[in-house]
C-alpha cells in the first residue's frame, strides 16, 4: 500500500461515514460525488503509474532490507519505524530457530515483511531492495 492508497482509504471511509449520516439527499449526493471523484483520481494515478516507470518510482514505496545474514539493521528499523519486537515476532512466525539461519528480511512495498531463511540466498531475490542509509 502506497502513502497515496492509505490517504484514499482514510478519505473514502470518512466520506462513507458522512454519507451514512446524511440527513438530506443533497448532503448524501455530495458525499457520493466526492467519493466518485476520489476513485477517479485513484484510477487515473494507477493508470499513469502503469504507463510511466518514472511516475511509478515517484509514487511507489521501495522495499527495504531489515536484516541480512543474521544481523538486524537497527538503522533500517528506525527509518521504517518497525519495532525490533515486531521483527522478532515475524521471525518466530516464519519458524526461524536461529538468527544465523536468516539470509534476509525485507519490508516489502505492501507493508508485508518477507523472511528469507535457510541455505544459500540468490542475490537476484534482493533486486531493487534498498539498504538503510546513514
Protein backbone atom coordinates (compact mmCIF):
# COMPACT_ATOMS: atom_id res chain seq x y z
CA UNK A 1 0.00 0.00 0.00
CA UNK A 2 1.46 3.33 -1.01
CA UNK A 3 1.03 6.50 1.02
CA UNK A 4 -1.49 7.65 -1.56
CA UNK A 5 -3.50 4.43 -1.17
CA UNK A 6 -3.58 4.98 2.58
CA UNK A 7 -4.86 8.54 2.16
CA UNK A 8 -7.52 7.34 -0.30
CA UNK A 9 -8.63 4.66 2.17
CA UNK A 10 -8.99 7.13 5.03
CA UNK A 11 -10.74 9.72 2.86
CA UNK A 12 -13.13 7.11 1.47
CA UNK A 13 -14.03 5.95 4.96
CA UNK A 14 -14.68 9.49 6.06
CA UNK A 15 -16.87 10.20 3.05
CA UNK A 16 -18.83 6.97 3.53
CA UNK A 17 -19.41 7.86 7.18
CA UNK A 18 -20.65 11.28 6.09
CA UNK A 19 -22.97 9.73 3.52
CA UNK A 20 -24.32 7.29 6.09
CA UNK A 21 -25.13 10.14 8.46
CA UNK A 22 -26.60 12.44 5.82
CA UNK A 23 -29.99 13.79 6.71
CA UNK A 24 -30.80 15.18 3.26
CA UNK A 25 -30.39 13.91 -0.28
CA UNK A 26 -28.18 16.90 -1.10
CA UNK A 27 -25.63 16.03 1.57
CA UNK A 28 -25.79 12.35 0.60
CA UNK A 29 -25.23 13.08 -3.09
CA UNK A 30 -22.32 15.45 -2.31
CA UNK A 31 -20.58 12.70 -0.33
CA UNK A 32 -21.15 10.18 -3.13
CA UNK A 33 -19.89 12.66 -5.74
CA UNK A 34 -16.74 13.30 -3.70
CA UNK A 35 -16.24 9.55 -3.31
CA UNK A 36 -16.59 9.06 -7.08
CA UNK A 37 -14.05 11.85 -7.65
CA UNK A 38 -11.56 10.20 -5.29
CA UNK A 39 -11.95 6.86 -7.07
CA UNK A 40 -11.47 8.58 -10.44
CA UNK A 41 -8.26 10.24 -9.25
CA UNK A 42 -7.00 6.94 -7.85
CA UNK A 43 -7.80 5.17 -11.12
CA UNK A 44 -6.00 7.90 -13.12
CA UNK A 45 -2.91 7.74 -10.95
CA UNK A 46 -2.82 3.93 -11.17
CA UNK A 47 -3.16 4.15 -14.95
CA UNK A 48 -0.40 6.74 -15.29
CA UNK A 49 1.83 4.69 -12.96
CA UNK A 50 1.31 1.63 -15.13
CA UNK A 51 2.33 3.56 -18.25
CA UNK A 52 5.26 5.52 -16.78
CA UNK A 53 8.10 3.87 -14.86
CA UNK A 54 9.33 7.27 -13.66
CA UNK A 55 5.93 8.19 -12.23
CA UNK A 56 5.66 4.73 -10.64
CA UNK A 57 9.03 5.22 -8.90
CA UNK A 58 7.86 8.58 -7.52
CA UNK A 59 4.62 7.26 -6.00
CA UNK A 60 5.70 3.72 -5.04
CA UNK A 61 7.44 2.74 -1.81
CA UNK A 62 10.65 0.77 -2.13
CA UNK A 63 11.42 -2.50 -0.35
CA UNK A 64 13.95 -2.08 2.47
CA UNK A 65 16.34 -4.65 3.91
CA UNK A 66 15.76 -5.01 7.67
CA UNK A 67 18.09 -7.93 8.32
CA UNK A 68 20.89 -9.63 6.38
CA UNK A 69 22.82 -12.81 7.20
CA UNK A 70 21.58 -12.95 10.79
CA UNK A 71 22.30 -9.30 11.62
CA UNK A 72 19.45 -6.87 12.31
CA UNK A 73 19.91 -3.44 10.70
CA UNK A 74 18.92 -1.07 13.51
CA UNK A 75 19.09 1.96 11.18
CA UNK A 76 16.59 0.30 8.84
CA UNK A 77 14.25 -0.45 11.75
CA UNK A 78 14.42 3.20 12.82
CA UNK A 79 13.90 4.52 9.30
CA UNK A 80 10.90 2.28 8.67
CA UNK A 81 9.53 2.54 12.22
CA UNK A 82 9.40 -1.24 12.57
CA UNK A 83 9.83 -2.27 16.19
CA UNK A 84 12.52 -4.83 16.96
CA UNK A 85 9.90 -6.85 18.85
CA UNK A 86 7.67 -6.92 15.73
CA UNK A 87 10.58 -8.15 13.63
CA UNK A 88 11.36 -10.90 16.13
CA UNK A 89 7.67 -11.88 16.21
CA UNK A 90 7.75 -12.22 12.41
CA UNK A 91 10.88 -14.38 12.68
CA UNK A 92 9.07 -16.69 15.09
CA UNK A 93 6.04 -16.74 12.78
CA UNK A 94 8.32 -17.91 9.95
CA UNK A 95 9.65 -20.72 12.20
CA UNK A 96 13.15 -19.25 12.35
CA UNK A 97 15.15 -21.05 15.03
CA UNK A 98 18.39 -19.05 14.87
CA UNK A 99 19.29 -15.55 13.72
CA UNK A 100 22.19 -17.12 11.83
CA UNK A 101 19.70 -19.05 9.67
CA UNK A 102 18.16 -15.81 8.37
CA UNK A 103 19.52 -14.78 4.98
CA UNK A 104 17.40 -11.62 4.64
CA UNK A 105 14.31 -9.88 5.98
CA UNK A 106 12.67 -7.37 3.65
CA UNK A 107 9.94 -4.82 4.38
CA UNK A 108 8.04 -5.03 1.10
CA UNK A 109 6.26 -2.16 -0.67
CA UNK A 110 2.95 -3.61 0.51
CA UNK A 111 3.97 -3.35 4.17
CA UNK A 112 4.44 -7.11 4.47
CA UNK A 113 7.65 -8.48 5.96
CA UNK A 114 9.29 -11.21 3.86
CA UNK A 115 11.56 -13.76 5.52
CA UNK A 116 14.27 -15.48 3.51
CA UNK A 117 15.93 -18.18 5.57
CA UNK A 118 17.65 -21.47 5.05
CA UNK A 119 20.56 -22.25 2.73
CA UNK A 120 22.11 -20.12 0.03
CA UNK A 121 20.41 -16.85 -0.95
CA UNK A 122 20.36 -15.92 -4.63
CA UNK A 123 21.34 -12.28 -4.94
CA UNK A 124 18.64 -11.70 -7.58
CA UNK A 125 15.98 -12.09 -4.88
CA UNK A 126 17.20 -8.80 -3.39
CA UNK A 127 16.99 -6.90 -6.66
CA UNK A 128 15.52 -3.44 -6.02
CA UNK A 129 15.76 -3.78 -2.24
CA UNK A 130 17.38 -0.81 -0.57
CA UNK A 131 19.66 -0.82 2.42
CA UNK A 132 19.06 1.82 5.06
CA UNK A 133 21.21 4.91 4.62
CA UNK A 134 23.04 6.52 7.50
